[in-house]
Amino acid sequence: MDLAVLITQLTYMDDSTLVSASLDSLQHLLSIARDFYFINNITVNFSKYELVCSLSNPSPIMFLLLFEFSTLVANMDFQLTPLKLSFSFRFLGVWFNLQGSPSFVVSQIKDIYRTFVQTV
């Protein structure tokens, strides 16, 4: 006798990171990730991804994701605008800036200090 049990779940996934040496390779990794999400019934908002790269002109970049399961789900395209070189971003809990500028971290320290002084 077969017994089927329906189990529902809600999972929150944060801080996925894809690292690539080229935009073509990144597009391929995104396609693989999208297939993984589809297989595991995970919904992802690709427009919330942050693109960090060393391009000096941060114009929007279009990505076309091709799927192995084309009979089950359609191909998808979306665009991302790379972060400006002067912007800071967080990776594995550490703040980075492609120009090596410490201004964001110094600003954070000042804010923490002000909050501490106000509290005390």
N, C-alpha and C. Protein backbone atom coordinates (compact mmCIF):
# COMPACT_ATOMS: atom_id res chain seq x y z
N MET A 1 0.84 -1.17 0.00
CA MET A 1 0.00 0.00 0.00
C MET A 1 0.89 1.24 0.00
N ASP A 2 0.68 2.15 -0.95
CA ASP A 2 1.43 3.40 -1.01
C ASP A 2 0.71 4.46 -0.18
N LEU A 3 1.50 5.24 0.54
CA LEU A 3 0.96 6.31 1.35
C LEU A 3 1.65 7.61 0.94
N ALA A 4 0.86 8.62 0.59
CA ALA A 4 1.42 9.91 0.20
C ALA A 4 1.09 10.94 1.27
N VAL A 5 2.09 11.70 1.66
CA VAL A 5 1.90 12.75 2.65
C VAL A 5 2.32 14.07 2.02
N LEU A 6 1.40 15.04 2.06
CA LEU A 6 1.70 16.35 1.51
C LEU A 6 2.33 17.20 2.61
N ILE A 7 3.53 17.70 2.35
CA ILE A 7 4.25 18.54 3.32
C ILE A 7 4.48 19.89 2.68
N THR A 8 4.04 20.95 3.35
CA THR A 8 4.29 22.29 2.84
C THR A 8 5.39 22.93 3.68
N GLN A 9 6.12 23.81 3.06
CA GLN A 9 7.19 24.49 3.77
C GLN A 9 7.39 25.88 3.21
N LEU A 10 7.95 26.73 4.03
CA LEU A 10 8.32 28.08 3.61
C LEU A 10 9.76 28.28 4.05
N THR A 11 10.62 28.61 3.12
CA THR A 11 12.04 28.77 3.42
C THR A 11 12.49 30.13 2.91
N TYR A 12 13.32 30.79 3.69
CA TYR A 12 13.90 32.07 3.28
C TYR A 12 15.38 31.86 3.03
N MET A 13 15.82 32.20 1.84
CA MET A 13 17.22 32.02 1.48
C MET A 13 17.83 33.40 1.27
N ASP A 14 18.98 33.63 1.84
CA ASP A 14 19.60 34.94 1.75
C ASP A 14 21.08 34.76 1.39
N ASP A 15 21.64 35.76 0.75
CA ASP A 15 23.07 35.84 0.48
C ASP A 15 23.59 34.71 -0.42
N SER A 16 22.92 34.47 -1.53
CA SER A 16 23.48 33.57 -2.53
C SER A 16 24.52 34.36 -3.31
N THR A 17 25.64 33.74 -3.61
CA THR A 17 26.71 34.44 -4.31
C THR A 17 27.20 33.60 -5.48
N LEU A 18 27.23 34.19 -6.65
CA LEU A 18 27.79 33.55 -7.83
C LEU A 18 29.01 34.37 -8.25
N VAL A 19 30.13 33.69 -8.46
CA VAL A 19 31.37 34.38 -8.83
C VAL A 19 31.80 33.85 -10.19
N SER A 20 32.12 34.78 -11.09
CA SER A 20 32.48 34.39 -12.45
C SER A 20 33.53 35.33 -13.01
N ALA A 21 34.28 34.85 -13.99
CA ALA A 21 35.33 35.65 -14.62
C ALA A 21 34.81 36.44 -15.83
N SER A 22 33.60 36.12 -16.31
CA SER A 22 33.06 36.83 -17.47
C SER A 22 31.54 36.88 -17.38
N LEU A 23 30.95 37.77 -18.14
CA LEU A 23 29.49 37.88 -18.15
C LEU A 23 28.84 36.65 -18.77
N ASP A 24 29.47 36.06 -19.79
CA ASP A 24 28.92 34.84 -20.40
C ASP A 24 28.91 33.71 -19.38
N SER A 25 29.98 33.58 -18.65
CA SER A 25 30.06 32.54 -17.63
C SER A 25 29.04 32.79 -16.52
N LEU A 26 28.85 34.06 -16.15
CA LEU A 26 27.86 34.40 -15.13
C LEU A 26 26.46 34.05 -15.62
N GLN A 27 26.18 34.34 -16.88
CA GLN A 27 24.88 34.00 -17.44
C GLN A 27 24.65 32.49 -17.39
N HIS A 28 25.68 31.71 -17.67
CA HIS A 28 25.57 30.25 -17.60
C HIS A 28 25.30 29.80 -16.14
N LEU A 29 26.02 30.39 -15.19
CA LEU A 29 25.79 30.06 -13.77
C LEU A 29 24.37 30.43 -13.35
N LEU A 30 23.88 31.57 -13.81
CA LEU A 30 22.51 31.98 -13.49
C LEU A 30 21.49 31.00 -14.07
N SER A 31 21.76 30.49 -15.26
CA SER A 31 20.87 29.50 -15.86
C SER A 31 20.84 28.21 -15.03
N ILE A 32 22.01 27.78 -14.58
CA ILE A 32 22.08 26.58 -13.73
C ILE A 32 21.34 26.82 -12.42
N ALA A 33 21.55 27.99 -11.84
CA ALA A 33 20.86 28.31 -10.58
C ALA A 33 19.35 28.32 -10.80
N ARG A 34 18.90 28.91 -11.92
CA ARG A 34 17.46 28.96 -12.21
C ARG A 34 16.89 27.57 -12.37
N ASP A 35 17.62 26.65 -13.03
CA ASP A 35 17.18 25.26 -13.13
C ASP A 35 17.06 24.63 -11.74
N PHE A 36 18.05 24.87 -10.89
CA PHE A 36 18.01 24.35 -9.53
C PHE A 36 16.79 24.88 -8.78
N TYR A 37 16.54 26.18 -8.90
CA TYR A 37 15.37 26.77 -8.23
C TYR A 37 14.08 26.13 -8.74
N PHE A 38 13.99 25.90 -10.05
CA PHE A 38 12.79 25.31 -10.63
C PHE A 38 12.58 23.89 -10.12
N ILE A 39 13.65 23.09 -10.14
CA ILE A 39 13.55 21.70 -9.68
C ILE A 39 13.09 21.63 -8.23
N ASN A 40 13.54 22.57 -7.42
CA ASN A 40 13.23 22.56 -5.99
C ASN A 40 12.05 23.47 -5.62
N ASN A 41 11.33 23.95 -6.64
CA ASN A 41 10.13 24.77 -6.43
C ASN A 41 10.43 26.01 -5.59
N ILE A 42 11.53 26.70 -5.93
CA ILE A 42 11.95 27.91 -5.23
C ILE A 42 11.68 29.11 -6.13
N THR A 43 11.05 30.12 -5.59
CA THR A 43 10.78 31.34 -6.34
C THR A 43 11.85 32.37 -6.00
N VAL A 44 12.45 32.95 -7.04
CA VAL A 44 13.54 33.92 -6.85
C VAL A 44 13.22 35.17 -7.64
N ASN A 45 13.50 36.32 -7.04
CA ASN A 45 13.32 37.59 -7.73
C ASN A 45 14.69 38.03 -8.26
N PHE A 46 14.97 37.70 -9.50
CA PHE A 46 16.29 37.99 -10.08
C PHE A 46 16.56 39.49 -10.16
N SER A 47 15.52 40.30 -10.20
CA SER A 47 15.75 41.75 -10.28
C SER A 47 16.31 42.32 -8.98
N LYS A 48 16.29 41.55 -7.90
CA LYS A 48 16.87 42.02 -6.64
C LYS A 48 18.35 41.63 -6.50
N TYR A 49 18.87 40.91 -7.49
CA TYR A 49 20.28 40.54 -7.45
C TYR A 49 21.13 41.81 -7.55
N GLU A 50 22.31 41.78 -6.96
CA GLU A 50 23.26 42.88 -7.10
C GLU A 50 24.42 42.38 -7.95
N LEU A 51 24.76 43.17 -8.95
CA LEU A 51 25.86 42.83 -9.84
C LEU A 51 27.06 43.68 -9.49
N VAL A 52 28.12 43.04 -9.04
CA VAL A 52 29.35 43.73 -8.66
C VAL A 52 30.40 43.37 -9.71
N CYS A 53 30.88 44.39 -10.43
CA CYS A 53 31.91 44.14 -11.43
C CYS A 53 32.76 45.39 -11.58
N SER A 54 33.86 45.25 -12.27
CA SER A 54 34.82 46.36 -12.38
C SER A 54 34.61 47.19 -13.64
N LEU A 55 33.41 47.15 -14.24
CA LEU A 55 33.13 47.98 -15.41
C LEU A 55 33.07 49.45 -14.98
N SER A 56 33.74 50.31 -15.74
CA SER A 56 33.76 51.72 -15.36
C SER A 56 32.46 52.43 -15.74
N ASN A 57 31.73 51.91 -16.72
CA ASN A 57 30.46 52.50 -17.13
C ASN A 57 29.33 51.56 -16.70
N PRO A 58 28.69 51.84 -15.57
CA PRO A 58 27.66 50.93 -15.06
C PRO A 58 26.32 51.04 -15.78
N SER A 59 26.27 50.63 -17.06
CA SER A 59 25.00 50.63 -17.79
C SER A 59 24.34 49.26 -17.60
N PRO A 60 23.01 49.20 -17.71
CA PRO A 60 22.30 47.93 -17.49
C PRO A 60 22.79 46.82 -18.41
N ILE A 61 22.85 45.61 -17.87
CA ILE A 61 23.28 44.44 -18.63
C ILE A 61 22.12 43.46 -18.68
N MET A 62 21.80 42.99 -19.89
CA MET A 62 20.69 42.06 -20.08
C MET A 62 21.20 40.62 -19.97
N PHE A 63 20.48 39.81 -19.22
CA PHE A 63 20.79 38.39 -19.08
C PHE A 63 19.64 37.58 -19.66
N LEU A 64 19.96 36.56 -20.45
CA LEU A 64 18.96 35.64 -21.00
C LEU A 64 19.26 34.27 -20.42
N LEU A 65 18.33 33.76 -19.63
CA LEU A 65 18.53 32.47 -19.00
C LEU A 65 17.81 31.40 -19.81
N LEU A 66 18.58 30.45 -20.31
CA LEU A 66 18.03 29.33 -21.07
C LEU A 66 17.89 28.14 -20.12
N PHE A 67 16.78 27.42 -20.27
CA PHE A 67 16.50 26.34 -19.34
C PHE A 67 16.60 24.98 -19.99
N GLU A 68 17.11 24.03 -19.23
CA GLU A 68 17.16 22.65 -19.67
C GLU A 68 15.75 22.07 -19.78
N PHE A 69 14.83 22.61 -19.01
CA PHE A 69 13.46 22.10 -18.95
C PHE A 69 12.54 23.00 -19.77
N SER A 70 12.92 23.28 -21.01
CA SER A 70 12.19 24.26 -21.82
C SER A 70 10.74 23.85 -22.07
N THR A 71 10.43 22.56 -21.99
CA THR A 71 9.04 22.14 -22.17
C THR A 71 8.20 22.43 -20.93
N LEU A 72 8.85 22.65 -19.80
CA LEU A 72 8.13 22.89 -18.54
C LEU A 72 8.10 24.36 -18.15
N VAL A 73 9.13 25.10 -18.52
CA VAL A 73 9.20 26.50 -18.12
C VAL A 73 9.88 27.29 -19.25
N ALA A 74 9.42 28.51 -19.46
CA ALA A 74 9.95 29.34 -20.56
C ALA A 74 11.29 29.95 -20.19
N ASN A 75 12.07 30.28 -21.22
CA ASN A 75 13.31 31.01 -20.99
C ASN A 75 12.97 32.36 -20.36
N MET A 76 13.95 32.98 -19.75
CA MET A 76 13.69 34.20 -19.00
C MET A 76 14.79 35.21 -19.28
N ASP A 77 14.42 36.48 -19.34
CA ASP A 77 15.44 37.52 -19.45
C ASP A 77 15.15 38.62 -18.42
N PHE A 78 16.21 39.24 -17.97
CA PHE A 78 16.12 40.34 -17.00
C PHE A 78 17.39 41.15 -17.12
N GLN A 79 17.37 42.34 -16.58
CA GLN A 79 18.57 43.17 -16.64
C GLN A 79 18.97 43.62 -15.25
N LEU A 80 20.26 43.78 -15.08
CA LEU A 80 20.84 44.28 -13.83
C LEU A 80 21.77 45.44 -14.16
N THR A 81 21.77 46.42 -13.28
CA THR A 81 22.71 47.52 -13.41
C THR A 81 23.84 47.30 -12.41
N PRO A 82 25.08 47.22 -12.88
CA PRO A 82 26.19 47.00 -11.94
C PRO A 82 26.28 48.13 -10.91
N LEU A 83 26.72 47.77 -9.72
CA LEU A 83 26.96 48.79 -8.70
C LEU A 83 28.08 49.70 -9.17
N LYS A 84 27.99 50.97 -8.84
CA LYS A 84 29.08 51.90 -9.18
C LYS A 84 30.33 51.49 -8.41
N LEU A 85 31.47 51.77 -8.99
CA LEU A 85 32.74 51.41 -8.35
C LEU A 85 32.89 52.03 -6.97
N SER A 86 32.26 53.17 -6.75
CA SER A 86 32.39 53.87 -5.48
C SER A 86 31.43 53.33 -4.41
N PHE A 87 30.47 52.47 -4.80
CA PHE A 87 29.52 51.93 -3.83
C PHE A 87 30.15 50.81 -3.02
N SER A 88 29.72 50.68 -1.80
CA SER A 88 30.17 49.59 -0.95
C SER A 88 29.13 48.48 -0.95
N PHE A 89 29.58 47.25 -0.81
CA PHE A 89 28.67 46.10 -0.78
C PHE A 89 29.15 45.12 0.27
N ARG A 90 28.23 44.32 0.76
CA ARG A 90 28.55 43.36 1.81
C ARG A 90 28.66 41.97 1.23
N PHE A 91 29.72 41.27 1.59
CA PHE A 91 29.96 39.89 1.15
C PHE A 91 30.46 39.11 2.34
N LEU A 92 29.73 38.06 2.71
CA LEU A 92 30.07 37.23 3.87
C LEU A 92 30.26 38.07 5.13
N GLY A 93 29.41 39.07 5.30
CA GLY A 93 29.43 39.89 6.51
C GLY A 93 30.50 40.96 6.54
N VAL A 94 31.25 41.11 5.46
CA VAL A 94 32.32 42.11 5.41
C VAL A 94 31.97 43.11 4.30
N TRP A 95 32.19 44.40 4.59
CA TRP A 95 31.92 45.45 3.61
C TRP A 95 33.13 45.66 2.70
N PHE A 96 32.86 45.73 1.39
CA PHE A 96 33.90 45.93 0.38
C PHE A 96 33.57 47.13 -0.48
N ASN A 97 34.60 47.66 -1.12
CA ASN A 97 34.47 48.75 -2.07
C ASN A 97 35.53 48.49 -3.13
N LEU A 98 35.13 48.46 -4.42
CA LEU A 98 36.08 48.12 -5.48
C LEU A 98 37.18 49.15 -5.65
N GLN A 99 36.97 50.36 -5.13
CA GLN A 99 38.02 51.38 -5.19
C GLN A 99 38.89 51.36 -3.95
N GLY A 100 38.60 50.49 -3.02
CA GLY A 100 39.39 50.40 -1.79
C GLY A 100 39.13 51.54 -0.83
N SER A 101 38.03 52.25 -0.99
CA SER A 101 37.72 53.39 -0.13
C SER A 101 37.13 52.94 1.20
N PRO A 102 37.66 53.44 2.31
CA PRO A 102 37.12 53.07 3.62
C PRO A 102 35.99 53.99 4.09
N SER A 103 35.54 54.92 3.26
CA SER A 103 34.60 55.96 3.70
C SER A 103 33.29 55.37 4.22
N PHE A 104 32.77 54.30 3.61
CA PHE A 104 31.52 53.71 4.07
C PHE A 104 31.68 53.12 5.47
N VAL A 105 32.76 52.40 5.70
CA VAL A 105 33.01 51.79 7.00
C VAL A 105 33.22 52.87 8.06
N VAL A 106 33.96 53.93 7.72
CA VAL A 106 34.16 55.04 8.66
C VAL A 106 32.81 55.67 9.00
N SER A 107 31.95 55.85 8.01
CA SER A 107 30.62 56.39 8.24
C SER A 107 29.81 55.50 9.17
N GLN A 108 29.90 54.18 8.97
CA GLN A 108 29.21 53.24 9.85
C GLN A 108 29.72 53.37 11.29
N ILE A 109 31.02 53.45 11.46
CA ILE A 109 31.61 53.57 12.80
C ILE A 109 31.13 54.84 13.48
N LYS A 110 31.07 55.95 12.73
CA LYS A 110 30.58 57.21 13.30
C LYS A 110 29.12 57.08 13.75
N ASP A 111 28.30 56.43 12.93
CA ASP A 111 26.89 56.24 13.29
C ASP A 111 26.75 55.38 14.55
N ILE A 112 27.54 54.33 14.65
CA ILE A 112 27.50 53.47 15.83
C ILE A 112 27.94 54.24 17.06
N TYR A 113 28.98 55.05 16.91
CA TYR A 113 29.47 55.86 18.03
C TYR A 113 28.41 56.85 18.48
N ARG A 114 27.79 57.56 17.52
CA ARG A 114 26.73 58.53 17.86
C ARG A 114 25.57 57.85 18.60
N THR A 115 25.16 56.70 18.11
CA THR A 115 24.07 55.96 18.76
C THR A 115 24.45 55.56 20.17
N PHE A 116 25.69 55.11 20.36
CA PHE A 116 26.17 54.72 21.67
C PHE A 116 26.17 55.92 22.62
N VAL A 117 26.68 57.06 22.16
CA VAL A 117 26.75 58.27 22.99
C VAL A 117 25.34 58.73 23.37
N GLN A 118 24.42 58.68 22.44
CA GLN A 118 23.04 59.08 22.74
C GLN A 118 22.41 58.15 23.77
N THR A 119 22.72 56.87 23.67
CA THR A 119 22.18 55.88 24.61
C THR A 119 22.73 56.08 26.01
N VAL A 120 24.03 56.35 26.09
CA VAL A 120 24.70 56.52 27.40
C VAL A 120 24.33 57.87 27.94
